[in-house]
Amino acid sequence: MKVKGSYPGLKEFAEFMVKETERVCDPAMNPDKDKKPNKENSKESRRSYSTTAKKPRCIYCNKENHYIDECKKFGAIPVKERQE
């Protein structure tokens, strides 16, 4: 006889776990397992994101289509003046 509040022995616990595992893994016990998920109700929804690329703008001459490292006007300035 088991006393209320006591824990089962290791053997009883192992037997219980085997039976529960078999029960849970039985396809008859989980009829929704083989159903294909509905796209609208699926937890894993697919998402897409759209971005637009800005045209590069030079911070020296303020013209589009190039950055300062490609700027001909900035490149023509002596290095000492660029550092100031």
PDB file of N, CA and C in Angstrom:
ATOM      1  N   MET A   1       0.840  -1.176   0.000  1.00  0.00           N
ATOM      2  CA  MET A   1       0.000   0.000   0.000  1.00  0.00           C
ATOM      3  C   MET A   1       0.888   1.245   0.000  1.00  0.00           C
ATOM      4  N   LYS A   2       0.497   2.218  -0.809  1.00  0.00           N
ATOM      5  CA  LYS A   2       1.283   3.441  -0.915  1.00  0.00           C
ATOM      6  C   LYS A   2       0.757   4.464   0.080  1.00  0.00           C
ATOM      7  N   VAL A   3       1.682   5.140   0.685  1.00  0.00           N
ATOM      8  CA  VAL A   3       1.331   6.186   1.632  1.00  0.00           C
ATOM      9  C   VAL A   3       1.166   7.486   0.845  1.00  0.00           C
ATOM     10  N   LYS A   4       0.101   8.210   1.148  1.00  0.00           N
ATOM     11  CA  LYS A   4      -0.160   9.466   0.463  1.00  0.00           C
ATOM     12  C   LYS A   4       0.992  10.443   0.709  1.00  0.00           C
ATOM     13  N   GLY A   5       1.478  11.043  -0.385  1.00  0.00           N
ATOM     14  CA  GLY A   5       2.566  12.006  -0.265  1.00  0.00           C
ATOM     15  C   GLY A   5       3.939  11.387  -0.446  1.00  0.00           C
ATOM     16  N   SER A   6       4.010  10.068  -0.593  1.00  0.00           N
ATOM     17  CA  SER A   6       5.321   9.437  -0.800  1.00  0.00           C
ATOM     18  C   SER A   6       5.587   9.326  -2.308  1.00  0.00           C
ATOM     19  N   TYR A   7       6.827   9.188  -2.657  1.00  0.00           N
ATOM     20  CA  TYR A   7       7.215   9.078  -4.053  1.00  0.00           C
ATOM     21  C   TYR A   7       7.363   7.613  -4.421  1.00  0.00           C
ATOM     22  N   PRO A   8       7.094   7.263  -5.700  1.00  0.00           N
ATOM     23  CA  PRO A   8       7.263   5.871  -6.130  1.00  0.00           C
ATOM     24  C   PRO A   8       8.745   5.532  -6.229  1.00  0.00           C
ATOM     25  N   GLY A   9       9.005   4.258  -6.241  1.00  0.00           N
ATOM     26  CA  GLY A   9      10.389   3.798  -6.414  1.00  0.00           C
ATOM     27  C   GLY A   9      10.828   3.993  -7.861  1.00  0.00           C
ATOM     28  N   LEU A  10      12.092   3.812  -8.126  1.00  0.00           N
ATOM     29  CA  LEU A  10      12.645   4.003  -9.460  1.00  0.00           C
ATOM     30  C   LEU A  10      12.009   3.054 -10.469  1.00  0.00           C
ATOM     31  N   LYS A  11      11.797   1.813 -10.080  1.00  0.00           N
ATOM     32  CA  LYS A  11      11.204   0.821 -10.983  1.00  0.00           C
ATOM     33  C   LYS A  11       9.777   1.242 -11.365  1.00  0.00           C
ATOM     34  N   GLU A  12       8.974   1.651 -10.403  1.00  0.00           N
ATOM     35  CA  GLU A  12       7.602   2.081 -10.673  1.00  0.00           C
ATOM     36  C   GLU A  12       7.586   3.338 -11.559  1.00  0.00           C
ATOM     37  N   PHE A  13       8.500   4.231 -11.286  1.00  0.00           N
ATOM     38  CA  PHE A  13       8.584   5.462 -12.072  1.00  0.00           C
ATOM     39  C   PHE A  13       8.965   5.143 -13.516  1.00  0.00           C
ATOM     40  N   ALA A  14       9.938   4.249 -13.710  1.00  0.00           N
ATOM     41  CA  ALA A  14      10.376   3.873 -15.054  1.00  0.00           C
ATOM     42  C   ALA A  14       9.240   3.207 -15.825  1.00  0.00           C
ATOM     43  N   GLU A  15       8.495   2.329 -15.168  1.00  0.00           N
ATOM     44  CA  GLU A  15       7.360   1.667 -15.815  1.00  0.00           C
ATOM     45  C   GLU A  15       6.296   2.695 -16.215  1.00  0.00           C
ATOM     46  N   PHE A  16       6.036   3.626 -15.342  1.00  0.00           N
ATOM     47  CA  PHE A  16       5.070   4.691 -15.640  1.00  0.00           C
ATOM     48  C   PHE A  16       5.517   5.491 -16.863  1.00  0.00           C
ATOM     49  N   MET A  17       6.798   5.842 -16.924  1.00  0.00           N
ATOM     50  CA  MET A  17       7.317   6.645 -18.035  1.00  0.00           C
ATOM     51  C   MET A  17       7.221   5.889 -19.352  1.00  0.00           C
ATOM     52  N   VAL A  18       7.504   4.583 -19.340  1.00  0.00           N
ATOM     53  CA  VAL A  18       7.402   3.779 -20.556  1.00  0.00           C
ATOM     54  C   VAL A  18       5.962   3.777 -21.055  1.00  0.00           C
ATOM     55  N   LYS A  19       5.003   3.544 -20.161  1.00  0.00           N
ATOM     56  CA  LYS A  19       3.586   3.511 -20.544  1.00  0.00           C
ATOM     57  C   LYS A  19       3.130   4.873 -21.080  1.00  0.00           C
ATOM     58  N   GLU A  20       3.524   5.948 -20.423  1.00  0.00           N
ATOM     59  CA  GLU A  20       3.121   7.286 -20.869  1.00  0.00           C
ATOM     60  C   GLU A  20       3.739   7.635 -22.217  1.00  0.00           C
ATOM     61  N   THR A  21       4.974   7.230 -22.418  1.00  0.00           N
ATOM     62  CA  THR A  21       5.640   7.487 -23.696  1.00  0.00           C
ATOM     63  C   THR A  21       4.923   6.757 -24.815  1.00  0.00           C
ATOM     64  N   GLU A  22       4.582   5.506 -24.579  1.00  0.00           N
ATOM     65  CA  GLU A  22       3.853   4.731 -25.589  1.00  0.00           C
ATOM     66  C   GLU A  22       2.494   5.373 -25.874  1.00  0.00           C
ATOM     67  N   ARG A  23       1.820   5.832 -24.839  1.00  0.00           N
ATOM     68  CA  ARG A  23       0.505   6.449 -25.005  1.00  0.00           C
ATOM     69  C   ARG A  23       0.603   7.743 -25.807  1.00  0.00           C
ATOM     70  N   VAL A  24       1.560   8.570 -25.471  1.00  0.00           N
ATOM     71  CA  VAL A  24       1.706   9.865 -26.142  1.00  0.00           C
ATOM     72  C   VAL A  24       2.143   9.693 -27.591  1.00  0.00           C
ATOM     73  N   CYS A  25       2.967   8.700 -27.869  1.00  0.00           N
ATOM     74  CA  CYS A  25       3.475   8.485 -29.223  1.00  0.00           C
ATOM     75  C   CYS A  25       2.506   7.698 -30.100  1.00  0.00           C
ATOM     76  N   ASP A  26       1.415   7.218 -29.548  1.00  0.00           N
ATOM     77  CA  ASP A  26       0.426   6.468 -30.308  1.00  0.00           C
ATOM     78  C   ASP A  26      -0.310   7.422 -31.239  1.00  0.00           C
ATOM     79  N   PRO A  27      -0.245   7.192 -32.570  1.00  0.00           N
ATOM     80  CA  PRO A  27      -0.907   8.103 -33.517  1.00  0.00           C
ATOM     81  C   PRO A  27      -2.414   8.195 -33.298  1.00  0.00           C
ATOM     82  N   ALA A  28      -3.008   7.153 -32.766  1.00  0.00           N
ATOM     83  CA  ALA A  28      -4.452   7.185 -32.528  1.00  0.00           C
ATOM     84  C   ALA A  28      -4.807   8.180 -31.424  1.00  0.00           C
ATOM     85  N   MET A  29      -3.866   8.469 -30.553  1.00  0.00           N
ATOM     86  CA  MET A  29      -4.111   9.404 -29.458  1.00  0.00           C
ATOM     87  C   MET A  29      -3.912  10.859 -29.889  1.00  0.00           C
ATOM     88  N   ASN A  30      -3.298  11.063 -31.060  1.00  0.00           N
ATOM     89  CA  ASN A  30      -3.032  12.412 -31.545  1.00  0.00           C
ATOM     90  C   ASN A  30      -3.482  12.515 -33.000  1.00  0.00           C
ATOM     91  N   PRO A  31      -4.794  12.626 -33.248  1.00  0.00           N
ATOM     92  CA  PRO A  31      -5.300  12.635 -34.627  1.00  0.00           C
ATOM     93  C   PRO A  31      -4.872  13.857 -35.440  1.00  0.00           C
ATOM     94  N   ASP A  32      -4.520  14.947 -34.816  1.00  0.00           N
ATOM     95  CA  ASP A  32      -4.119  16.154 -35.545  1.00  0.00           C
ATOM     96  C   ASP A  32      -2.671  16.115 -35.995  1.00  0.00           C
ATOM     97  N   LYS A  33      -1.937  15.128 -35.586  1.00  0.00           N
ATOM     98  CA  LYS A  33      -0.507  15.050 -35.865  1.00  0.00           C
ATOM     99  C   LYS A  33      -0.210  15.039 -37.364  1.00  0.00           C
ATOM    100  N   ASP A  34      -1.011  14.298 -38.138  1.00  0.00           N
ATOM    101  CA  ASP A  34      -0.735  14.147 -39.561  1.00  0.00           C
ATOM    102  C   ASP A  34      -1.399  15.206 -40.433  1.00  0.00           C
ATOM    103  N   LYS A  35      -2.184  16.084 -39.854  1.00  0.00           N
ATOM    104  CA  LYS A  35      -2.837  17.131 -40.629  1.00  0.00           C
ATOM    105  C   LYS A  35      -1.825  18.182 -41.042  1.00  0.00           C
ATOM    106  N   LYS A  36      -2.000  18.687 -42.255  1.00  0.00           N
ATOM    107  CA  LYS A  36      -1.132  19.764 -42.720  1.00  0.00           C
ATOM    108  C   LYS A  36      -1.626  21.063 -42.097  1.00  0.00           C
ATOM    109  N   PRO A  37      -0.711  21.905 -41.655  1.00  0.00           N
ATOM    110  CA  PRO A  37      -1.150  23.157 -41.023  1.00  0.00           C
ATOM    111  C   PRO A  37      -1.781  24.104 -42.030  1.00  0.00           C
ATOM    112  N   ASN A  38      -2.814  24.779 -41.582  1.00  0.00           N
ATOM    113  CA  ASN A  38      -3.471  25.792 -42.377  1.00  0.00           C
ATOM    114  C   ASN A  38      -2.547  27.010 -42.423  1.00  0.00           C
ATOM    115  N   LYS A  39      -2.343  27.553 -43.600  1.00  0.00           N
ATOM    116  CA  LYS A  39      -1.422  28.688 -43.727  1.00  0.00           C
ATOM    117  C   LYS A  39      -1.827  29.855 -42.846  1.00  0.00           C
ATOM    118  N   GLU A  40      -3.121  30.093 -42.717  1.00  0.00           N
ATOM    119  CA  GLU A  40      -3.587  31.230 -41.922  1.00  0.00           C
ATOM    120  C   GLU A  40      -3.423  30.983 -40.433  1.00  0.00           C
ATOM    121  N   ASN A  41      -3.543  29.730 -40.017  1.00  0.00           N
ATOM    122  CA  ASN A  41      -3.475  29.405 -38.595  1.00  0.00           C
ATOM    123  C   ASN A  41      -2.105  28.898 -38.164  1.00  0.00           C
ATOM    124  N   SER A  42      -1.176  28.814 -39.081  1.00  0.00           N
ATOM    125  CA  SER A  42       0.140  28.268 -38.776  1.00  0.00           C
ATOM    126  C   SER A  42       0.898  29.183 -37.820  1.00  0.00           C
ATOM    127  N   LYS A  43       1.553  28.567 -36.848  1.00  0.00           N
ATOM    128  CA  LYS A  43       2.367  29.349 -35.913  1.00  0.00           C
ATOM    129  C   LYS A  43       3.581  29.922 -36.623  1.00  0.00           C
ATOM    130  N   GLU A  44       4.055  29.187 -37.623  1.00  0.00           N
ATOM    131  CA  GLU A  44       5.212  29.645 -38.377  1.00  0.00           C
ATOM    132  C   GLU A  44       4.726  30.305 -39.659  1.00  0.00           C
ATOM    133  N   SER A  45       4.496  31.580 -39.610  1.00  0.00           N
ATOM    134  CA  SER A  45       4.041  32.285 -40.805  1.00  0.00           C
ATOM    135  C   SER A  45       5.252  32.801 -41.560  1.00  0.00           C
ATOM    136  N   ARG A  46       5.083  32.918 -42.834  1.00  0.00           N
ATOM    137  CA  ARG A  46       6.178  33.430 -43.663  1.00  0.00           C
ATOM    138  C   ARG A  46       6.007  34.926 -43.811  1.00  0.00           C
ATOM    139  N   ARG A  47       7.105  35.615 -43.718  1.00  0.00           N
ATOM    140  CA  ARG A  47       7.068  37.071 -43.835  1.00  0.00           C
ATOM    141  C   ARG A  47       8.115  37.515 -44.822  1.00  0.00           C
ATOM    142  N   SER A  48       7.846  38.596 -45.480  1.00  0.00           N
ATOM    143  CA  SER A  48       8.845  39.173 -46.369  1.00  0.00           C
ATOM    144  C   SER A  48       8.930  40.666 -46.063  1.00  0.00           C
ATOM    145  N   TYR A  49      10.081  41.195 -46.300  1.00  0.00           N
ATOM    146  CA  TYR A  49      10.314  42.601 -46.038  1.00  0.00           C
ATOM    147  C   TYR A  49      10.863  43.249 -47.294  1.00  0.00           C
ATOM    148  N   SER A  50      10.454  44.457 -47.527  1.00  0.00           N
ATOM    149  CA  SER A  50      10.908  45.187 -48.695  1.00  0.00           C
ATOM    150  C   SER A  50      11.713  46.406 -48.243  1.00  0.00           C
ATOM    151  N   THR A  51      12.800  46.634 -48.920  1.00  0.00           N
ATOM    152  CA  THR A  51      13.601  47.818 -48.610  1.00  0.00           C
ATOM    153  C   THR A  51      13.903  48.559 -49.908  1.00  0.00           C
ATOM    154  N   THR A  52      14.167  49.811 -49.784  1.00  0.00           N
ATOM    155  CA  THR A  52      14.567  50.597 -50.941  1.00  0.00           C
ATOM    156  C   THR A  52      15.963  51.133 -50.669  1.00  0.00           C
ATOM    157  N   ALA A  53      16.790  51.038 -51.662  1.00  0.00           N
ATOM    158  CA  ALA A  53      18.165  51.508 -51.513  1.00  0.00           C
ATOM    159  C   ALA A  53      18.224  52.993 -51.853  1.00  0.00           C
ATOM    160  N   LYS A  54      18.879  53.739 -50.988  1.00  0.00           N
ATOM    161  CA  LYS A  54      19.070  55.164 -51.259  1.00  0.00           C
ATOM    162  C   LYS A  54      20.293  55.315 -52.152  1.00  0.00           C
ATOM    163  N   LYS A  55      20.247  56.309 -52.990  1.00  0.00           N
ATOM    164  CA  LYS A  55      21.402  56.589 -53.826  1.00  0.00           C
ATOM    165  C   LYS A  55      22.501  57.168 -52.942  1.00  0.00           C
ATOM    166  N   PRO A  56      23.746  56.792 -53.223  1.00  0.00           N
ATOM    167  CA  PRO A  56      24.828  57.360 -52.416  1.00  0.00           C
ATOM    168  C   PRO A  56      24.938  58.870 -52.627  1.00  0.00           C
ATOM    169  N   ARG A  57      25.298  59.555 -51.557  1.00  0.00           N
ATOM    170  CA  ARG A  57      25.455  61.007 -51.634  1.00  0.00           C
ATOM    171  C   ARG A  57      26.788  61.378 -50.975  1.00  0.00           C
ATOM    172  N   CYS A  58      27.570  62.148 -51.691  1.00  0.00           N
ATOM    173  CA  CYS A  58      28.867  62.593 -51.196  1.00  0.00           C
ATOM    174  C   CYS A  58      28.670  63.686 -50.140  1.00  0.00           C
ATOM    175  N   ILE A  59      29.329  63.533 -48.999  1.00  0.00           N
ATOM    176  CA  ILE A  59      29.191  64.539 -47.938  1.00  0.00           C
ATOM    177  C   ILE A  59      30.067  65.766 -48.192  1.00  0.00           C
ATOM    178  N   TYR A  60      30.961  65.681 -49.185  1.00  0.00           N
ATOM    179  CA  TYR A  60      31.812  66.832 -49.496  1.00  0.00           C
ATOM    180  C   TYR A  60      31.155  67.743 -50.537  1.00  0.00           C
ATOM    181  N   CYS A  61      30.814  67.174 -51.692  1.00  0.00           N
ATOM    182  CA  CYS A  61      30.242  68.010 -52.760  1.00  0.00           C
ATOM    183  C   CYS A  61      28.716  67.936 -52.802  1.00  0.00           C
ATOM    184  N   ASN A  62      28.115  67.070 -51.995  1.00  0.00           N
ATOM    185  CA  ASN A  62      26.668  66.918 -51.854  1.00  0.00           C
ATOM    186  C   ASN A  62      25.985  66.444 -53.146  1.00  0.00           C
ATOM    187  N   LYS A  63      26.730  65.753 -53.998  1.00  0.00           N
ATOM    188  CA  LYS A  63      26.146  65.209 -55.227  1.00  0.00           C
ATOM    189  C   LYS A  63      25.828  63.730 -55.012  1.00  0.00           C
ATOM    190  N   GLU A  64      24.823  63.251 -55.766  1.00  0.00           N
ATOM    191  CA  GLU A  64      24.436  61.849 -55.671  1.00  0.00           C
ATOM    192  C   GLU A  64      25.338  60.979 -56.543  1.00  0.00           C
ATOM    193  N   ASN A  65      25.194  59.694 -56.355  1.00  0.00           N
ATOM    194  CA  ASN A  65      25.843  58.642 -57.138  1.00  0.00           C
ATOM    195  C   ASN A  65      27.310  58.386 -56.787  1.00  0.00           C
ATOM    196  N   HIS A  66      27.817  58.980 -55.723  1.00  0.00           N
ATOM    197  CA  HIS A  66      29.145  58.591 -55.243  1.00  0.00           C
ATOM    198  C   HIS A  66      29.304  59.006 -53.772  1.00  0.00           C
ATOM    199  N   TYR A  67      30.232  58.326 -53.116  1.00  0.00           N
ATOM    200  CA  TYR A  67      30.578  58.677 -51.738  1.00  0.00           C
ATOM    201  C   TYR A  67      31.855  59.489 -51.745  1.00  0.00           C
ATOM    202  N   ILE A  68      32.232  59.987 -50.579  1.00  0.00           N
ATOM    203  CA  ILE A  68      33.406  60.874 -50.476  1.00  0.00           C
ATOM    204  C   ILE A  68      34.701  60.170 -50.917  1.00  0.00           C
ATOM    205  N   ASP A  69      34.802  58.867 -50.697  1.00  0.00           N
ATOM    206  CA  ASP A  69      36.030  58.168 -51.084  1.00  0.00           C
ATOM    207  C   ASP A  69      36.185  58.071 -52.610  1.00  0.00           C
ATOM    208  N   GLU A  70      35.113  58.341 -53.358  1.00  0.00           N
ATOM    209  CA  GLU A  70      35.177  58.333 -54.819  1.00  0.00           C
ATOM    210  C   GLU A  70      35.057  59.747 -55.406  1.00  0.00           C
ATOM    211  N   CYS A  71      34.990  60.745 -54.547  1.00  0.00           N
ATOM    212  CA  CYS A  71      34.776  62.128 -54.993  1.00  0.00           C
ATOM    213  C   CYS A  71      36.052  62.696 -55.635  1.00  0.00           C
ATOM    214  N   LYS A  72      35.913  63.152 -56.886  1.00  0.00           N
ATOM    215  CA  LYS A  72      37.064  63.713 -57.600  1.00  0.00           C
ATOM    216  C   LYS A  72      37.477  65.059 -57.016  1.00  0.00           C
ATOM    217  N   LYS A  73      36.512  65.869 -56.594  1.00  0.00           N
ATOM    218  CA  LYS A  73      36.835  67.168 -55.998  1.00  0.00           C
ATOM    219  C   LYS A  73      37.581  66.986 -54.679  1.00  0.00           C
ATOM    220  N   PHE A  74      37.105  66.058 -53.834  1.00  0.00           N
ATOM    221  CA  PHE A  74      37.760  65.815 -52.548  1.00  0.00           C
ATOM    222  C   PHE A  74      39.146  65.211 -52.759  1.00  0.00           C
ATOM    223  N   GLY A  75      39.266  64.323 -53.749  1.00  0.00           N
ATOM    224  CA  GLY A  75      40.560  63.693 -54.050  1.00  0.00           C
ATOM    225  C   GLY A  75      41.589  64.677 -54.570  1.00  0.00           C
ATOM    226  N   ALA A  76      41.141  65.777 -55.156  1.00  0.00           N
ATOM    227  CA  ALA A  76      42.057  66.783 -55.696  1.00  0.00           C
ATOM    228  C   ALA A  76      42.634  67.684 -54.619  1.00  0.00           C
ATOM    229  N   ILE A  77      42.067  67.674 -53.443  1.00  0.00           N
ATOM    230  CA  ILE A  77      42.544  68.514 -52.332  1.00  0.00           C
ATOM    231  C   ILE A  77      43.771  67.838 -51.713  1.00  0.00           C
ATOM    232  N   PRO A  78      44.813  68.585 -51.376  1.00  0.00           N
ATOM    233  CA  PRO A  78      45.987  67.998 -50.725  1.00  0.00           C
ATOM    234  C   PRO A  78      45.585  67.359 -49.390  1.00  0.00           C
ATOM    235  N   VAL A  79      46.296  66.292 -49.018  1.00  0.00           N
ATOM    236  CA  VAL A  79      45.989  65.519 -47.829  1.00  0.00           C
ATOM    237  C   VAL A  79      45.961  66.383 -46.572  1.00  0.00           C
ATOM    238  N   LYS A  80      46.877  67.291 -46.414  1.00  0.00           N
ATOM    239  CA  LYS A  80      46.912  68.155 -45.221  1.00  0.00           C
ATOM    240  C   LYS A  80      45.628  68.970 -45.084  1.00  0.00           C
ATOM    241  N   GLU A  81      45.111  69.457 -46.197  1.00  0.00           N
ATOM    242  CA  GLU A  81      43.882  70.237 -46.164  1.00  0.00           C
ATOM    243  C   GLU A  81      42.680  69.340 -45.840  1.00  0.00           C
ATOM    244  N   ARG A  82      42.686  68.105 -46.328  1.00  0.00           N
ATOM    245  CA  ARG A  82      41.587  67.154 -46.043  1.00  0.00           C
ATOM    246  C   ARG A  82      41.492  66.858 -44.561  1.00  0.00           C
ATOM    247  N   GLN A  83      42.633  66.817 -43.883  1.00  0.00           N
ATOM    248  CA  GLN A  83      42.673  66.465 -42.474  1.00  0.00           C
ATOM    249  C   GLN A  83      42.153  67.592 -41.575  1.00  0.00           C
ATOM    250  N   GLU A  84      42.140  68.785 -42.086  1.00  0.00           N
ATOM    251  CA  GLU A  84      41.691  69.933 -41.306  1.00  0.00           C
ATOM    252  C   GLU A  84      40.218  69.969 -41.291  1.00  0.00           C
TER     253      GLU A  84
END
